[in-house]
Amino acid sequence: MDMSGQKDFLRYLKLAPNGGYVIYGNNSNSQIQGYGVLTNEIFSISNVAYIADLKHNLISVAQLTDANQ
């Protein structure tokens, strides 16, 4: 799952009030507040989870390479 905590970076954001939770490696969790598209106009990643309290974007390299096959 690709994730971002920066709402301004996401296009076509669809809020999901019951979006579930993501659990981190230290067993803490955060609520998924919606999904959108992360883009720089040249390259786009769809289905990116918006997590308001996330401090860094988390991108799955495996998902990126699977999408190009």
Protein backbone atom coordinates (compact mmCIF):
# COMPACT_ATOMS: atom_id res chain seq x y z
CA MET A 1 0.00 0.00 0.00
CA ASP A 2 1.27 3.45 -0.91
CA MET A 3 0.55 6.15 1.69
CA SER A 4 0.82 9.92 2.06
CA GLY A 5 0.15 12.31 4.91
CA GLN A 6 0.11 15.34 2.62
CA LYS A 7 -3.42 15.97 1.41
CA ASP A 8 -2.26 18.65 -1.05
CA PHE A 9 -0.20 16.06 -2.95
CA LEU A 10 -3.23 13.88 -3.72
CA ARG A 11 -5.53 14.43 -6.67
CA TYR A 12 -9.05 13.04 -6.93
CA LEU A 13 -9.11 12.41 -3.19
CA LYS A 14 -12.14 10.38 -2.09
CA LEU A 15 -12.64 10.56 1.66
CA ALA A 16 -13.43 7.25 3.34
CA PRO A 17 -14.87 7.73 6.84
CA ASN A 18 -14.56 3.99 7.51
CA GLY A 19 -11.31 3.49 5.60
CA GLY A 20 -9.82 1.18 8.18
CA TYR A 21 -6.42 1.35 9.81
CA VAL A 22 -2.81 0.72 8.88
CA ILE A 23 -0.54 -0.91 11.48
CA TYR A 24 3.15 0.05 11.51
CA GLY A 25 6.15 -2.10 12.43
CA ASN A 26 6.14 -0.79 16.01
CA ASN A 27 2.47 -1.87 16.40
CA SER A 28 1.13 1.70 16.42
CA ASN A 29 -1.70 2.45 14.00
CA SER A 30 -3.29 5.28 12.03
CA GLN A 31 -6.68 5.68 10.42
CA ILE A 32 -6.93 5.70 6.61
CA GLN A 33 -9.00 8.79 5.80
CA GLY A 34 -9.30 8.38 2.03
CA TYR A 35 -7.65 7.43 -1.25
CA GLY A 36 -6.32 9.50 -4.14
CA VAL A 37 -3.75 9.75 -6.93
CA LEU A 38 -0.20 10.95 -6.22
CA THR A 39 1.24 12.63 -9.31
CA ASN A 40 3.88 15.02 -10.57
CA GLU A 41 2.14 15.33 -13.99
CA ILE A 42 4.69 12.94 -15.57
CA PHE A 43 4.26 9.90 -13.34
CA SER A 44 1.18 8.92 -11.30
CA ILE A 45 0.50 6.40 -8.55
CA SER A 46 -3.15 5.51 -8.02
CA ASN A 47 -4.92 4.20 -4.93
CA VAL A 48 -2.66 6.07 -2.48
CA ALA A 49 -4.04 6.04 1.07
CA TYR A 50 -4.36 9.43 2.81
CA ILE A 51 -3.30 9.18 6.47
CA ALA A 52 -3.37 12.61 8.11
CA ASP A 53 -0.81 11.94 10.85
CA LEU A 54 1.75 10.30 8.54
CA LYS A 55 4.94 12.38 8.40
CA HIS A 56 6.52 10.86 5.25
CA ASN A 57 5.22 9.39 2.01
CA LEU A 58 5.55 5.60 1.94
CA ILE A 59 5.80 4.09 -1.54
CA SER A 60 5.91 0.34 -2.18
CA VAL A 61 8.58 -0.43 -4.79
CA ALA A 62 7.10 -3.91 -5.26
CA GLN A 63 3.71 -2.43 -6.16
CA LEU A 64 5.33 0.00 -8.60
CA THR A 65 7.17 -2.77 -10.45
CA ASP A 66 4.09 -5.04 -10.45
CA ALA A 67 2.02 -2.24 -12.01
CA ASN A 68 4.43 -2.03 -14.96
CA GLN A 69 4.27 -5.71 -15.89
